[in-house]
Protein backbone atom coordinates (compact mmCIF):
# COMPACT_ATOMS: atom_id res chain seq x y z
CA MET A 1 -0.18 -0.03 -0.13
CA ARG A 2 2.83 2.29 0.94
CA ALA A 3 4.81 1.59 -2.43
CA GLU A 4 1.54 2.45 -4.29
CA LYS A 5 1.09 5.77 -2.69
CA GLU A 6 4.81 6.46 -3.30
CA LYS A 7 4.56 5.63 -6.70
CA LYS A 8 1.33 7.74 -7.22
CA MET A 9 3.29 10.94 -5.50
CA LYS A 10 6.14 10.32 -8.13
CA LYS A 11 3.60 10.47 -10.78
CA ILE A 12 1.77 13.62 -9.32
CA LEU A 13 5.37 15.02 -8.78
CA SER A 14 6.78 14.29 -12.22
CA ALA A 15 3.36 15.83 -13.80
CA GLY A 16 3.84 18.86 -11.81
CA VAL A 17 7.16 19.60 -12.91
CA VAL A 18 6.16 19.28 -16.58
CA ILE A 19 3.56 21.56 -16.24
CA LEU A 20 6.00 24.03 -14.66
CA LEU A 21 8.61 23.64 -17.24
CA PHE A 22 5.98 24.11 -20.14
CA GLY A 23 4.48 27.09 -18.50
CA PHE A 24 7.84 28.63 -18.02
CA SER A 25 8.80 28.00 -21.80
CA LEU A 26 5.54 29.77 -22.80
CA PHE A 27 6.30 32.67 -20.61
CA LEU A 28 9.98 32.73 -22.07
CA GLY A 29 8.52 32.80 -25.56
CA SER A 30 6.21 35.47 -24.93
CA CYS A 31 8.81 37.46 -23.44
CA SER A 32 11.21 37.32 -26.43
CA LYS A 33 8.37 38.33 -29.07
CA GLY A 34 7.54 41.89 -28.12
CA PRO A 35 5.97 44.37 -30.38
CA THR A 36 7.25 44.88 -33.49
CA VAL A 37 6.82 47.40 -36.36
CA THR A 38 8.18 47.25 -39.74
CA VAL A 39 10.11 50.03 -41.36
CA LYS A 40 10.62 50.52 -45.33
CA ALA A 41 14.15 50.42 -46.23
CA ASN A 42 16.28 49.81 -49.29
CA LYS A 43 17.90 46.34 -49.94
CA GLN A 44 21.13 47.16 -48.72
CA VAL A 45 19.84 48.08 -45.15
CA VAL A 46 17.80 45.04 -45.18
CA GLU A 47 20.48 42.61 -46.38
CA LEU A 48 23.21 44.51 -43.71
CA VAL A 49 20.90 44.08 -40.49
CA LYS A 50 20.71 40.35 -41.55
CA THR A 51 24.19 39.52 -41.09
CA TRP A 52 24.22 41.39 -37.46
CA ASP A 53 24.10 39.32 -34.46
CA PRO A 54 20.16 38.57 -33.65
CA GLU A 55 20.73 40.25 -29.96
CA ILE A 56 21.13 43.71 -31.51
CA SER A 57 18.24 45.25 -32.66
CA PHE A 58 16.85 48.80 -33.60
CA TYR A 59 14.09 50.30 -31.81
CA THR A 60 11.72 53.28 -32.60
CA SER A 61 8.89 55.04 -30.87
CA LYS A 62 5.69 53.07 -29.94
CA LYS A 63 3.61 56.03 -30.08
CA ASN A 64 5.11 57.52 -33.41
CA PRO A 65 6.89 55.01 -35.20
CA LEU A 66 9.05 55.42 -38.07
CA LYS A 67 7.71 54.00 -41.40
CA SER A 68 10.39 54.64 -43.65
CA ILE A 69 14.31 55.51 -43.64
CA GLU A 70 13.69 57.84 -46.32
CA SER A 71 14.63 61.37 -45.06
CA LEU A 72 15.80 60.05 -41.94
CA ARG A 73 18.85 62.24 -40.54
CA GLN A 74 21.97 61.48 -38.75
CA GLU A 75 20.97 63.30 -35.78
CA GLU A 76 17.61 61.12 -35.53
CA ILE A 77 19.74 57.76 -34.94
CA GLY A 78 21.07 56.67 -31.51
CA CYS A 79 22.65 53.77 -30.04
CA TRP A 80 23.79 52.43 -26.54
CA GLY A 81 26.98 50.39 -26.45
CA ARG A 82 30.50 51.53 -27.83
CA GLU A 83 30.95 48.48 -29.87
CA LEU A 84 27.58 49.33 -31.84
CA GLY A 85 29.25 52.29 -33.60
CA PHE A 86 30.44 50.23 -36.24
CA HIS A 87 27.22 49.05 -36.91
CA ILE A 88 25.77 52.63 -36.89
CA ARG A 89 28.34 53.88 -39.17
CA ALA A 90 27.71 51.02 -41.73
CA PHE A 91 23.79 51.84 -41.47
CA TYR A 92 24.52 55.04 -42.63
CA ASP A 93 26.53 53.97 -45.56
CA ALA A 94 23.62 51.40 -46.56
CA ALA A 95 20.85 53.65 -45.77
CA GLY A 96 22.57 56.61 -47.75
CA ILE A 97 22.32 58.89 -44.82
CA GLU A 98 23.96 62.19 -45.12
CA LYS A 99 26.73 62.60 -42.88
CA THR A 100 26.40 66.03 -41.61
CA ARG A 101 28.50 65.35 -38.66
CA GLY A 102 31.13 63.01 -40.24
CA ASP A 103 31.01 59.50 -38.77
CA ALA A 104 29.89 60.76 -35.30
CA VAL A 105 27.46 58.33 -33.58
CA GLN A 106 24.88 59.65 -31.10
CA VAL A 107 25.15 57.53 -27.75
CA ILE A 108 22.46 57.62 -25.30
CA GLY A 109 21.71 55.31 -22.44
CA PRO A 110 18.78 53.08 -22.45
CA ASP A 111 17.44 54.81 -18.95
CA VAL A 112 16.75 58.15 -20.83
CA PRO A 113 13.08 58.13 -22.02
CA MET A 114 14.25 59.25 -25.42
CA PHE A 115 11.19 58.44 -27.44
CA MET A 116 9.26 60.81 -25.24
CA MET A 117 11.86 63.51 -25.65
CA GLU A 118 11.05 66.26 -28.29
CA ARG A 119 14.02 65.85 -30.32
CA GLY A 120 14.99 62.38 -29.29
CA PRO A 121 16.07 59.72 -31.80
CA ARG A 122 13.58 58.38 -34.29
CA LEU A 123 15.62 55.23 -34.54
CA TYR A 124 17.95 53.59 -31.66
CA LEU A 125 20.03 50.59 -31.77
CA THR A 126 20.81 48.44 -28.78
CA SER A 127 21.39 45.03 -27.44
CA ALA A 128 18.37 42.88 -26.04
CA LYS A 129 19.43 42.82 -22.68
CA PHE A 130 18.75 46.99 -22.80
CA ALA A 131 15.30 46.43 -24.56
CA PRO A 132 13.23 46.21 -21.01
CA LYS A 133 14.71 49.58 -20.11
CA LEU A 134 13.31 51.36 -23.14
CA LYS A 135 10.02 53.29 -22.30
CA GLU A 136 7.44 53.69 -25.39
CA ALA A 137 9.90 51.80 -27.83
CA VAL A 138 8.88 48.83 -30.12
CA LYS A 139 11.47 46.71 -32.03
CA VAL A 140 12.22 47.44 -35.81
CA LYS A 141 12.02 44.90 -38.67
CA PHE A 142 13.20 46.44 -41.97
CA VAL A 143 11.67 45.60 -45.31
CA GLU A 144 11.72 46.45 -48.78
């Protein structure tokens, strides 16, 4: 009788663990798929961004999202992370951004409410680990 009870308890415990793991995996999946907007870009930009580490992404304002890179200016682009300067400069070239400030890259910390500021960036590049700090932001996916 005691052996049967132990067997039943092990089954219940196993089922509980499976349910918890399933729930946790659903939670993680939903966290990684935040809101995304599509931004019209040229083929060079679309192809360039595909070559980057998937851990880095562009973000734009949730309230007033960028719709196209057309007429985007250098001062409207920012990033967080010294290592991302190379990516921003490559983006300038692929997007045909006029470099009114040379190869300068606007560096802004993710704690700044940039998408709520009057003259904040319209496009922001950072690592996924900083994305939760971005208030009023949505992830960008470039399309032709």
